[in-house]
Every structure is written in C-alpha cells, then in structure tokens.
Amino acid sequence: MLTQEMKGILAASKKRGWVLEPGAKRLLGLAGLAIPEFKWSTSLDELLNFAQEIGYPVVAKVVSPKVLHKTDSGGVVVGIEDETGLKQAFGKLSAQEGFEGVLVEEMLAGVELIIGAKVDYQFGPVILMGLGGTGVEIYRDTTLRMAPLTRNDVESMIRGLKAHELLEGYRGSEPVSLEELTRMLLAFSGLVMEIEEQFESIDLNPVMCSSDGCVVADARIMLKG
C-alpha cells in the first residue's frame, strides 16, 4: 500500500518525467528495500558534517534534472577518503548542468547486481535481475519473470544466472545473503505492482549484495507521461 509520502514523491516527479535519486531512494526505502545512509544538500558544510558523522570513504553524486545518466556525465565520484576529496568532488559536481545539489552516501561493498522492471504492453509488469554495475551491457547475464514474484520465482531467477556461483560463494569467497536478496526482490515486486500504472521503467543498478544483505546503491525511476 502506497503511503501519502510515496504518493507525494511520485506526484512531484510527474512533470519532470522521472524521479531524482534522493526521491527514488526514499520511495524504495518506504517500500521496504534497504538503502544506504545518505544526505542531499546544496550546502558543502552540511555534506562535510554528514560525511564526518558516517565516516569516510563516501560517494558523491550530482542531483540534477538535466543529468539522467550520472556515470556517463562524470556525475559520480567514488572512494572519497577525506574532507579535501569531498570539497574537490563538490566543486566538480556543482558545475554540472541543472545542479540541484550533491548526494553523499556511505561506500558499499559486495557483488554488484541489477534489479529492474518495465511494463510490457503484452505481459504487464516484468522484473529483471542479473549481474550489474557498468558491465551489465557487456555480460548480459540476466533473468526475467512476470510480476508479482513468488519465492519460487526468485529462486529460479537466481539459479538461472550464468554467474549464480558468484552469489553462492565462488572459490572460497563469502556468499551473499540469498535470503536478503529474496526479501528485496519480493519487496520490489510489491512496489512494482502498486505503481504499475505510473512508471515506464525502474533501474536499481548497482544493488550491492554481501553476506550482510543487499542495498540499493543507485536508482532511476522513469514515469509515464
């Protein structure tokens, strides 16, 4: 069930055609998906204080309605180790077109996955899961299922990946929490069904998964016109 805050985020974003990352993360968090601790501000001092509170290293990203693909435009700075690095990143990001602030969040570690959804004109909402990060278009290791998902659907999606052994602990590496990945996919499926009439596509990429859980590191929600 959508809360009033969730409805407000979607309504405020409709004219723009997509939900800026801070709003997208807030929406996902309200839907039960794990999101990183973050702060969005146009004030460098506020961001410096926040980074000090959560501890370095941090990630900084531009927030702008003109920048849809942040990585392609140089709108993401990762691995910021100290105050000097954050000041430099803020200076770089604040020069981007349509600047509406910088989002600073904790650095996450783990296996990079992608979770996404679109509304197919024939089948309705369809959910995708696979290897994520910047190499997603190279590896093309993904699985698809129609929403809503069941636990059996999620299990078959995981097993259907060519690289599923990476999730299960390959050559002694620590396995990711498949229970938390399942929980995230089921919560995502629930949100997708709730907003089926309002969105065109949702991309959560990357979702960082480890033995501790799965956290949405970046999110983009495209809305219907």
C-alpha atoms as a PDB file:
ATOM      1  CA  MET A   1       0.000   0.000   0.000  1.00  0.00           C
ATOM      2  CA  LEU A   2       1.400   3.377  -1.015  1.00  0.00           C
ATOM      3  CA  THR A   3       1.754   5.898   1.791  1.00  0.00           C
ATOM      4  CA  GLN A   4       0.956   9.576   1.350  1.00  0.00           C
ATOM      5  CA  GLU A   5       4.684  10.335   1.266  1.00  0.00           C
ATOM      6  CA  MET A   6       5.227   7.803  -1.518  1.00  0.00           C
ATOM      7  CA  LYS A   7       2.323   9.265  -3.495  1.00  0.00           C
ATOM      8  CA  GLY A   8       3.772  12.740  -2.952  1.00  0.00           C
ATOM      9  CA  ILE A   9       7.176  11.733  -4.313  1.00  0.00           C
ATOM     10  CA  LEU A  10       5.597  10.336  -7.474  1.00  0.00           C
ATOM     11  CA  ALA A  11       3.269  13.311  -7.946  1.00  0.00           C
ATOM     12  CA  ALA A  12       6.086  15.826  -7.517  1.00  0.00           C
ATOM     13  CA  SER A  13       8.176  13.989 -10.121  1.00  0.00           C
ATOM     14  CA  LYS A  14       5.494  13.502 -12.784  1.00  0.00           C
ATOM     15  CA  LYS A  15       6.082  16.753 -14.649  1.00  0.00           C
ATOM     16  CA  ARG A  16       9.819  16.026 -14.853  1.00  0.00           C
ATOM     17  CA  GLY A  17       9.153  12.520 -16.145  1.00  0.00           C
ATOM     18  CA  TRP A  18      11.480  10.751 -13.730  1.00  0.00           C
ATOM     19  CA  VAL A  19      12.274  10.603 -10.021  1.00  0.00           C
ATOM     20  CA  LEU A  20      15.542  12.190  -8.908  1.00  0.00           C
ATOM     21  CA  GLU A  21      17.779   9.807  -6.968  1.00  0.00           C
ATOM     22  CA  PRO A  22      17.060  11.172  -3.467  1.00  0.00           C
ATOM     23  CA  GLY A  23      13.317  10.761  -4.047  1.00  0.00           C
ATOM     24  CA  ALA A  24      13.761   7.367  -5.667  1.00  0.00           C
ATOM     25  CA  LYS A  25      15.811   6.123  -2.735  1.00  0.00           C
ATOM     26  CA  ARG A  26      13.272   7.481  -0.254  1.00  0.00           C
ATOM     27  CA  LEU A  27      10.456   5.769  -2.153  1.00  0.00           C
ATOM     28  CA  LEU A  28      12.316   2.466  -2.211  1.00  0.00           C
ATOM     29  CA  GLY A  29      13.151   2.724   1.477  1.00  0.00           C
ATOM     30  CA  LEU A  30       9.493   3.290   2.310  1.00  0.00           C
ATOM     31  CA  ALA A  31       8.659   0.196   0.239  1.00  0.00           C
ATOM     32  CA  GLY A  32      10.955  -1.924   2.396  1.00  0.00           C
ATOM     33  CA  LEU A  33      14.144  -2.022   0.313  1.00  0.00           C
ATOM     34  CA  ALA A  34      17.459  -1.350   2.031  1.00  0.00           C
ATOM     35  CA  ILE A  35      19.079   1.941   1.002  1.00  0.00           C
ATOM     36  CA  PRO A  36      22.380   3.495   2.110  1.00  0.00           C
ATOM     37  CA  GLU A  37      22.537   6.294   4.620  1.00  0.00           C
ATOM     38  CA  PHE A  38      22.682   9.476   2.529  1.00  0.00           C
ATOM     39  CA  LYS A  39      22.305  13.243   2.583  1.00  0.00           C
ATOM     40  CA  TRP A  40      21.262  15.538  -0.263  1.00  0.00           C
ATOM     41  CA  SER A  41      22.172  19.203   0.032  1.00  0.00           C
ATOM     42  CA  THR A  42      23.433  22.262  -1.808  1.00  0.00           C
ATOM     43  CA  SER A  43      25.489  23.151   1.288  1.00  0.00           C
ATOM     44  CA  LEU A  44      29.069  21.907   1.327  1.00  0.00           C
ATOM     45  CA  ASP A  45      29.263  22.381   5.096  1.00  0.00           C
ATOM     46  CA  GLU A  46      26.210  20.160   5.653  1.00  0.00           C
ATOM     47  CA  LEU A  47      27.718  17.431   3.490  1.00  0.00           C
ATOM     48  CA  LEU A  48      31.096  17.675   5.232  1.00  0.00           C
ATOM     49  CA  ASN A  49      29.401  17.301   8.596  1.00  0.00           C
ATOM     50  CA  PHE A  50      27.401  14.328   7.361  1.00  0.00           C
ATOM     51  CA  ALA A  51      30.485  12.600   5.940  1.00  0.00           C
ATOM     52  CA  GLN A  52      32.253  13.126   9.243  1.00  0.00           C
ATOM     53  CA  GLU A  53      29.328  11.526  11.071  1.00  0.00           C
ATOM     54  CA  ILE A  54      29.078   8.383   8.933  1.00  0.00           C
ATOM     55  CA  GLY A  55      32.830   8.104   8.289  1.00  0.00           C
ATOM     56  CA  TYR A  56      34.902   8.058   5.131  1.00  0.00           C
ATOM     57  CA  PRO A  57      35.158   6.756   2.457  1.00  0.00           C
ATOM     58  CA  VAL A  58      31.998   8.147   0.860  1.00  0.00           C
ATOM     59  CA  VAL A  59      30.446   8.536  -2.584  1.00  0.00           C
ATOM     60  CA  ALA A  60      29.253  11.867  -4.012  1.00  0.00           C
ATOM     61  CA  LYS A  61      26.748  12.228  -6.865  1.00  0.00           C
ATOM     62  CA  VAL A  62      25.251  15.177  -8.670  1.00  0.00           C
ATOM     63  CA  VAL A  63      21.497  15.695  -8.333  1.00  0.00           C
ATOM     64  CA  SER A  64      20.157  17.383 -11.458  1.00  0.00           C
ATOM     65  CA  PRO A  65      17.049  17.003 -13.629  1.00  0.00           C
ATOM     66  CA  LYS A  66      19.372  17.539 -16.600  1.00  0.00           C
ATOM     67  CA  VAL A  67      21.640  14.585 -15.718  1.00  0.00           C
ATOM     68  CA  LEU A  68      19.865  11.282 -16.188  1.00  0.00           C
ATOM     69  CA  HIS A  69      22.947   9.092 -16.663  1.00  0.00           C
ATOM     70  CA  LYS A  70      25.319  10.304 -13.965  1.00  0.00           C
ATOM     71  CA  THR A  71      28.196   7.925 -14.718  1.00  0.00           C
ATOM     72  CA  ASP A  72      28.339   8.971 -18.384  1.00  0.00           C
ATOM     73  CA  SER A  73      28.486  12.666 -17.494  1.00  0.00           C
ATOM     74  CA  GLY A  74      31.087  12.400 -14.737  1.00  0.00           C
ATOM     75  CA  GLY A  75      28.398  12.962 -12.131  1.00  0.00           C
ATOM     76  CA  VAL A  76      29.657  10.325  -9.688  1.00  0.00           C
ATOM     77  CA  VAL A  77      32.793  10.426  -7.542  1.00  0.00           C
ATOM     78  CA  VAL A  78      33.565   7.250  -5.585  1.00  0.00           C
ATOM     79  CA  GLY A  79      36.096   6.415  -2.910  1.00  0.00           C
ATOM     80  CA  ILE A  80      36.330   9.899  -1.378  1.00  0.00           C
ATOM     81  CA  GLU A  81      38.721   9.420   1.522  1.00  0.00           C
ATOM     82  CA  ASP A  82      38.706  12.753   3.344  1.00  0.00           C
ATOM     83  CA  GLU A  83      37.378  16.287   3.628  1.00  0.00           C
ATOM     84  CA  THR A  84      39.694  17.592   0.916  1.00  0.00           C
ATOM     85  CA  GLY A  85      38.451  14.969  -1.527  1.00  0.00           C
ATOM     86  CA  LEU A  86      34.836  15.816  -0.766  1.00  0.00           C
ATOM     87  CA  LYS A  87      35.459  19.520  -1.292  1.00  0.00           C
ATOM     88  CA  GLN A  88      37.023  18.771  -4.676  1.00  0.00           C
ATOM     89  CA  ALA A  89      34.140  16.491  -5.646  1.00  0.00           C
ATOM     90  CA  PHE A  90      31.580  19.116  -4.620  1.00  0.00           C
ATOM     91  CA  GLY A  91      33.324  21.724  -6.775  1.00  0.00           C
ATOM     92  CA  LYS A  92      33.299  19.404  -9.780  1.00  0.00           C
ATOM     93  CA  LEU A  93      29.690  18.264  -9.364  1.00  0.00           C
ATOM     94  CA  SER A  94      28.263  21.722  -8.650  1.00  0.00           C
ATOM     95  CA  ALA A  95      29.391  22.808 -12.117  1.00  0.00           C
ATOM     96  CA  GLN A  96      27.110  20.271 -13.840  1.00  0.00           C
ATOM     97  CA  GLU A  97      24.096  21.477 -15.796  1.00  0.00           C
ATOM     98  CA  GLY A  98      20.898  21.920 -13.797  1.00  0.00           C
ATOM     99  CA  PHE A  99      22.678  21.440 -10.461  1.00  0.00           C
ATOM    100  CA  GLU A 100      20.233  20.923  -7.582  1.00  0.00           C
ATOM    101  CA  GLY A 101      22.661  19.621  -5.009  1.00  0.00           C
ATOM    102  CA  VAL A 102      25.015  16.776  -4.206  1.00  0.00           C
ATOM    103  CA  LEU A 103      24.039  13.448  -2.684  1.00  0.00           C
ATOM    104  CA  VAL A 104      26.653  11.982  -0.335  1.00  0.00           C
ATOM    105  CA  GLU A 105      26.334   8.418   0.907  1.00  0.00           C
ATOM    106  CA  GLU A 106      28.331   5.658   2.515  1.00  0.00           C
ATOM    107  CA  MET A 107      30.550   3.433   0.366  1.00  0.00           C
ATOM    108  CA  LEU A 108      29.179  -0.064  -0.101  1.00  0.00           C
ATOM    109  CA  ALA A 109      30.985  -3.307  -0.842  1.00  0.00           C
ATOM    110  CA  GLY A 110      29.787  -6.571  -2.344  1.00  0.00           C
ATOM    111  CA  VAL A 111      28.681  -8.207  -5.585  1.00  0.00           C
ATOM    112  CA  GLU A 112      27.096  -5.723  -7.999  1.00  0.00           C
ATOM    113  CA  LEU A 113      23.646  -6.744  -9.200  1.00  0.00           C
ATOM    114  CA  ILE A 114      20.962  -5.032 -11.230  1.00  0.00           C
ATOM    115  CA  ILE A 115      17.271  -5.228 -10.392  1.00  0.00           C
ATOM    116  CA  GLY A 116      14.837  -3.622 -12.783  1.00  0.00           C
ATOM    117  CA  ALA A 117      11.279  -3.521 -14.030  1.00  0.00           C
ATOM    118  CA  LYS A 118       9.280  -2.368 -17.010  1.00  0.00           C
ATOM    119  CA  VAL A 119       5.665  -2.619 -18.068  1.00  0.00           C
ATOM    120  CA  ASP A 120       5.389  -4.810 -21.140  1.00  0.00           C
ATOM    121  CA  TYR A 121       2.434  -3.903 -23.371  1.00  0.00           C
ATOM    122  CA  GLN A 122       1.514  -7.586 -23.654  1.00  0.00           C
ATOM    123  CA  PHE A 123       2.507  -9.190 -20.337  1.00  0.00           C
ATOM    124  CA  GLY A 124       2.309  -6.282 -17.896  1.00  0.00           C
ATOM    125  CA  PRO A 125       4.978  -5.691 -15.228  1.00  0.00           C
ATOM    126  CA  VAL A 126       8.174  -7.687 -15.814  1.00  0.00           C
ATOM    127  CA  ILE A 127      11.071  -7.863 -13.355  1.00  0.00           C
ATOM    128  CA  LEU A 128      14.730  -8.351 -14.258  1.00  0.00           C
ATOM    129  CA  MET A 129      17.641  -9.427 -12.087  1.00  0.00           C
ATOM    130  CA  GLY A 130      21.259 -10.035 -13.016  1.00  0.00           C
ATOM    131  CA  LEU A 131      24.873  -9.019 -12.763  1.00  0.00           C
ATOM    132  CA  GLY A 132      25.060  -5.238 -12.505  1.00  0.00           C
ATOM    133  CA  GLY A 133      27.460  -2.334 -12.475  1.00  0.00           C
ATOM    134  CA  THR A 134      28.952  -0.696 -15.536  1.00  0.00           C
ATOM    135  CA  GLY A 135      29.473  -4.099 -17.209  1.00  0.00           C
ATOM    136  CA  VAL A 136      25.802  -5.038 -17.288  1.00  0.00           C
ATOM    137  CA  GLU A 137      25.507  -4.381 -21.034  1.00  0.00           C
ATOM    138  CA  ILE A 138      28.657  -6.416 -21.731  1.00  0.00           C
ATOM    139  CA  TYR A 139      27.879  -9.546 -19.720  1.00  0.00           C
ATOM    140  CA  ARG A 140      24.111  -9.561 -20.351  1.00  0.00           C
ATOM    141  CA  ASP A 141      23.655 -12.144 -17.601  1.00  0.00           C
ATOM    142  CA  THR A 142      20.068 -11.525 -16.529  1.00  0.00           C
ATOM    143  CA  THR A 143      16.832 -13.366 -15.834  1.00  0.00           C
ATOM    144  CA  LEU A 144      13.237 -12.171 -16.279  1.00  0.00           C
ATOM    145  CA  ARG A 145       9.934 -13.041 -14.642  1.00  0.00           C
ATOM    146  CA  MET A 146       6.439 -11.571 -14.748  1.00  0.00           C
ATOM    147  CA  ALA A 147       5.311  -9.779 -11.598  1.00  0.00           C
ATOM    148  CA  PRO A 148       4.197 -10.365  -8.943  1.00  0.00           C
ATOM    149  CA  LEU A 149       7.080 -12.609  -7.885  1.00  0.00           C
ATOM    150  CA  THR A 150       6.900 -15.580  -5.552  1.00  0.00           C
ATOM    151  CA  ARG A 151       9.757 -17.096  -3.569  1.00  0.00           C
ATOM    152  CA  ASN A 152       9.949 -19.873  -6.164  1.00  0.00           C
ATOM    153  CA  ASP A 153      10.254 -17.256  -8.903  1.00  0.00           C
ATOM    154  CA  VAL A 154      13.153 -15.577  -7.113  1.00  0.00           C
ATOM    155  CA  GLU A 155      14.941 -18.886  -6.535  1.00  0.00           C
ATOM    156  CA  SER A 156      14.675 -19.772 -10.230  1.00  0.00           C
ATOM    157  CA  MET A 157      15.873 -16.287 -11.218  1.00  0.00           C
ATOM    158  CA  ILE A 158      18.996 -16.703  -9.099  1.00  0.00           C
ATOM    159  CA  ARG A 159      19.681 -20.217 -10.357  1.00  0.00           C
ATOM    160  CA  GLY A 160      19.094 -19.029 -13.924  1.00  0.00           C
ATOM    161  CA  LEU A 161      22.091 -16.685 -13.855  1.00  0.00           C
ATOM    162  CA  LYS A 162      25.237 -17.997 -15.531  1.00  0.00           C
ATOM    163  CA  ALA A 163      27.188 -16.422 -12.681  1.00  0.00           C
ATOM    164  CA  HIS A 164      24.975 -17.677  -9.847  1.00  0.00           C
ATOM    165  CA  GLU A 165      28.040 -19.275  -8.239  1.00  0.00           C
ATOM    166  CA  LEU A 166      29.340 -15.770  -7.527  1.00  0.00           C
ATOM    167  CA  LEU A 167      26.346 -15.287  -5.248  1.00  0.00           C
ATOM    168  CA  GLU A 168      26.739 -18.651  -3.556  1.00  0.00           C
ATOM    169  CA  GLY A 169      30.428 -18.292  -2.659  1.00  0.00           C
ATOM    170  CA  TYR A 170      32.760 -18.997  -5.585  1.00  0.00           C
ATOM    171  CA  ARG A 171      36.177 -20.497  -4.774  1.00  0.00           C
ATOM    172  CA  GLY A 172      36.012 -19.637  -1.125  1.00  0.00           C
ATOM    173  CA  SER A 173      34.545 -16.148  -1.483  1.00  0.00           C
ATOM    174  CA  GLU A 174      31.879 -15.163   1.003  1.00  0.00           C
ATOM    175  CA  PRO A 175      28.372 -15.907  -0.304  1.00  0.00           C
ATOM    176  CA  VAL A 176      25.792 -13.151  -0.431  1.00  0.00           C
ATOM    177  CA  SER A 177      22.692 -13.380   1.736  1.00  0.00           C
ATOM    178  CA  LEU A 178      20.250 -15.056  -0.622  1.00  0.00           C
ATOM    179  CA  GLU A 179      17.526 -14.594   1.979  1.00  0.00           C
ATOM    180  CA  GLU A 180      18.034 -10.819   1.934  1.00  0.00           C
ATOM    181  CA  LEU A 181      18.224 -10.791  -1.865  1.00  0.00           C
ATOM    182  CA  THR A 182      14.940 -12.703  -1.939  1.00  0.00           C
ATOM    183  CA  ARG A 183      13.376 -10.302   0.531  1.00  0.00           C
ATOM    184  CA  MET A 184      14.465  -7.321  -1.585  1.00  0.00           C
ATOM    185  CA  LEU A 185      13.087  -8.800  -4.813  1.00  0.00           C
ATOM    186  CA  LEU A 186       9.748  -9.593  -3.184  1.00  0.00           C
ATOM    187  CA  ALA A 187       9.500  -6.069  -1.729  1.00  0.00           C
ATOM    188  CA  PHE A 188      10.443  -4.619  -5.122  1.00  0.00           C
ATOM    189  CA  SER A 189       7.788  -6.773  -6.785  1.00  0.00           C
ATOM    190  CA  GLY A 190       5.201  -5.406  -4.376  1.00  0.00           C
ATOM    191  CA  LEU A 191       6.152  -1.814  -5.195  1.00  0.00           C
ATOM    192  CA  VAL A 192       6.088  -2.524  -8.924  1.00  0.00           C
ATOM    193  CA  MET A 193       2.537  -3.829  -8.671  1.00  0.00           C
ATOM    194  CA  GLU A 194       1.451  -0.788  -6.625  1.00  0.00           C
ATOM    195  CA  ILE A 195       2.774   1.747  -9.160  1.00  0.00           C
ATOM    196  CA  GLU A 196       2.172  -0.284 -12.336  1.00  0.00           C
ATOM    197  CA  GLU A 197       0.049   2.485 -13.865  1.00  0.00           C
ATOM    198  CA  GLN A 198       2.590   5.222 -13.116  1.00  0.00           C
ATOM    199  CA  PHE A 199       6.029   4.037 -14.252  1.00  0.00           C
ATOM    200  CA  GLU A 200       7.699   3.057 -17.505  1.00  0.00           C
ATOM    201  CA  SER A 201      10.900   1.549 -16.120  1.00  0.00           C
ATOM    202  CA  ILE A 202      12.847   1.194 -12.895  1.00  0.00           C
ATOM    203  CA  ASP A 203      16.585   0.532 -12.745  1.00  0.00           C
ATOM    204  CA  LEU A 204      18.349  -0.276  -9.495  1.00  0.00           C
ATOM    205  CA  ASN A 205      21.979  -0.503 -10.574  1.00  0.00           C
ATOM    206  CA  PRO A 206      24.032  -1.382  -8.779  1.00  0.00           C
ATOM    207  CA  VAL A 207      22.473  -3.215  -5.898  1.00  0.00           C
ATOM    208  CA  MET A 208      25.378  -4.168  -3.636  1.00  0.00           C
ATOM    209  CA  CYS A 209      24.958  -7.632  -2.122  1.00  0.00           C
ATOM    210  CA  SER A 210      27.108  -9.201   0.584  1.00  0.00           C
ATOM    211  CA  SER A 211      26.686 -11.674   3.418  1.00  0.00           C
ATOM    212  CA  ASP A 212      25.147  -8.838   5.438  1.00  0.00           C
ATOM    213  CA  GLY A 213      22.411  -8.058   2.936  1.00  0.00           C
ATOM    214  CA  CYS A 214      21.567  -6.172  -0.253  1.00  0.00           C
ATOM    215  CA  VAL A 215      21.488  -2.377  -0.512  1.00  0.00           C
ATOM    216  CA  VAL A 216      20.340  -0.177  -3.422  1.00  0.00           C
ATOM    217  CA  ALA A 217      23.357   1.947  -4.345  1.00  0.00           C
ATOM    218  CA  ASP A 218      21.732   3.778  -7.264  1.00  0.00           C
ATOM    219  CA  ALA A 219      18.182   4.094  -8.558  1.00  0.00           C
ATOM    220  CA  ARG A 220      16.338   5.591 -11.501  1.00  0.00           C
ATOM    221  CA  ILE A 221      12.558   5.585 -11.919  1.00  0.00           C
ATOM    222  CA  MET A 222      11.102   6.711 -15.259  1.00  0.00           C
ATOM    223  CA  LEU A 223       7.460   7.734 -15.155  1.00  0.00           C
ATOM    224  CA  LYS A 224       4.699   7.589 -17.742  1.00  0.00           C
ATOM    225  CA  GLY A 225       3.875  10.844 -19.442  1.00  0.00           C
END
